[in-house]
Protein backbone atom coordinates (compact mmCIF):
# COMPACT_ATOMS: atom_id res chain seq x y z
CA MET A 1 -34.30 -37.48 -4.80
CA THR A 2 -31.46 -39.91 -4.82
CA ASP A 3 -29.07 -40.61 -1.98
CA GLY A 4 -26.18 -38.92 -3.66
CA SER A 5 -27.84 -35.52 -4.21
CA THR A 6 -29.11 -35.61 -0.72
CA PHE A 7 -25.45 -36.30 0.58
CA ARG A 8 -24.13 -33.46 -1.52
CA GLU A 9 -26.97 -30.81 -0.14
CA LEU A 10 -25.77 -32.15 3.38
CA ALA A 11 -22.17 -31.88 2.74
CA GLU A 12 -22.83 -27.99 1.15
CA LEU A 13 -24.88 -27.03 4.20
CA ILE A 14 -22.14 -28.13 6.53
CA ALA A 15 -19.46 -26.32 4.63
CA LEU A 16 -21.32 -23.30 4.89
CA ALA A 17 -21.94 -23.77 8.52
CA VAL A 18 -18.32 -24.36 8.92
CA LEU A 19 -17.32 -21.49 6.63
CA SER A 20 -19.78 -19.15 8.57
CA GLY A 21 -17.97 -20.22 11.78
CA SER A 22 -14.56 -19.77 10.69
CA PHE A 23 -15.57 -16.33 9.06
CA LEU A 24 -16.55 -15.06 12.25
CA LEU A 25 -13.57 -16.40 14.09
CA ALA A 26 -11.36 -14.41 11.52
CA VAL A 27 -13.45 -11.41 11.96
CA VAL A 28 -12.50 -11.25 15.61
CA ARG A 29 -9.09 -12.11 14.82
CA VAL A 30 -9.19 -8.78 12.42
CA VAL A 31 -10.68 -6.74 15.37
CA LEU A 32 -8.93 -8.02 18.37
CA GLY A 33 -5.56 -8.69 16.85
CA PRO A 34 -3.00 -7.54 19.18
CA SER A 35 -0.68 -6.44 16.40
CA LEU A 36 -0.78 -5.06 12.91
CA PRO A 37 0.86 -8.78 11.45
CA ASP A 38 -2.01 -10.65 13.40
CA ARG A 39 -4.65 -8.22 11.65
CA ILE A 40 -3.22 -8.78 8.42
CA LEU A 41 -3.27 -12.71 8.77
CA GLY A 42 -6.94 -12.33 9.73
CA LEU A 43 -7.66 -10.42 6.65
CA ASP A 44 -5.75 -12.96 4.44
CA MET A 45 -7.89 -15.44 6.20
CA LEU A 46 -11.01 -13.78 5.33
CA VAL A 47 -9.99 -13.94 1.76
CA SER A 48 -9.57 -17.41 1.99
CA ILE A 49 -12.82 -18.18 3.59
CA ALA A 50 -14.51 -15.92 1.01
CA ILE A 51 -13.07 -17.99 -1.83
CA GLY A 52 -14.47 -21.10 0.12
CA PHE A 53 -17.82 -19.69 0.18
CA ILE A 54 -17.65 -18.95 -3.47
CA ALA A 55 -16.67 -22.29 -4.46
CA VAL A 56 -19.42 -24.04 -2.41
CA ILE A 57 -22.13 -21.41 -3.88
CA GLY A 58 -20.60 -22.30 -7.55
CA ILE A 59 -21.10 -26.01 -6.58
CA ARG A 60 -24.81 -25.52 -5.17
CA THR A 61 -25.87 -23.43 -8.37
CA GLY A 62 -23.79 -25.31 -10.95
CA TYR A 63 -22.64 -21.94 -12.25
CA THR A 64 -19.06 -22.35 -13.44
CA LEU A 65 -18.58 -18.51 -13.58
CA TYR A 66 -17.96 -18.37 -9.97
CA LEU A 67 -14.64 -20.53 -10.49
CA ASP A 68 -13.46 -17.31 -12.38
CA ILE A 69 -14.57 -14.99 -9.62
CA ALA A 70 -12.70 -17.19 -7.08
CA ILE A 71 -9.54 -17.24 -8.85
CA ALA A 72 -9.77 -13.30 -9.42
CA LEU A 73 -10.37 -13.02 -5.83
CA GLY A 74 -7.41 -15.25 -4.84
CA LEU A 75 -5.27 -12.99 -7.04
CA VAL A 76 -6.28 -9.85 -5.49
CA GLY A 77 -5.88 -11.43 -1.88
CA PHE A 78 -2.28 -12.36 -2.62
CA LEU A 79 -1.41 -8.85 -3.92
CA ALA A 80 -3.01 -7.23 -1.01
CA THR A 81 -1.17 -9.57 1.50
CA VAL A 82 2.34 -8.78 -0.26
CA ALA A 83 1.51 -5.15 0.01
CA PHE A 84 0.57 -5.18 3.52
CA ALA A 85 3.64 -7.29 4.13
CA ARG A 86 5.79 -4.68 2.55
CA PHE A 87 4.15 -2.01 4.47
CA VAL A 88 5.04 -3.81 7.95
CA LEU A 89 8.56 -4.34 6.88
CA SER A 90 9.02 -0.80 5.87
CA ARG A 91 7.59 0.38 9.15
CA ARG A 92 9.92 -2.05 10.97
CA TYR A 93 12.62 -0.76 9.11
CA GLU A 94 11.85 3.02 10.07
CA GLU A 95 11.38 2.00 13.71
CA GLU A 96 14.74 -0.14 13.96
CA PHE A 97 17.01 1.57 11.73
CA ILE A 98 16.19 5.37 11.49
CA ALA A 99 15.51 5.42 15.10
CA GLU A 100 19.21 4.24 16.05
CA ASP A 101 20.59 6.58 13.51
CA THR A 102 18.79 9.74 14.90
CA ARG A 103 20.30 8.26 18.29
CA GLY A 104 23.64 8.25 16.89
CA ILE A 105 23.34 11.82 15.52
CA TYR A 106 22.41 13.41 18.64
CA GLY A 107 24.89 11.75 20.59
CA GLU A 108 22.42 9.82 22.99
CA SER A 109 23.89 6.69 24.31
CA GLU A 110 22.13 3.33 24.05
CA ASN A 111 21.98 2.95 28.20
CA ASP A 112 20.13 6.36 28.40
């Protein structure tokens, strides 16, 4: 074994350890997140960490197919984040504007 391959293996193990720790922290963020946007951000972070895992495993094994899988996961993760963001915006729209319209229809004042 040469010094370069030993360094690479050590760097791979350190990268996997750091990714594992960040994965656990992101799971905690998803479970304990005080609001829905915090949970969505945690899920987006989980996708990014999974892409990191796939990249490190691709480097360890030498298969270039893992790069395609990481790109596909990145696209799916991006689309999921956009869908969640639209969902949050639609909920906020309903809470803010539709609630105001119903108060106005029934003649309730804002001071009640």
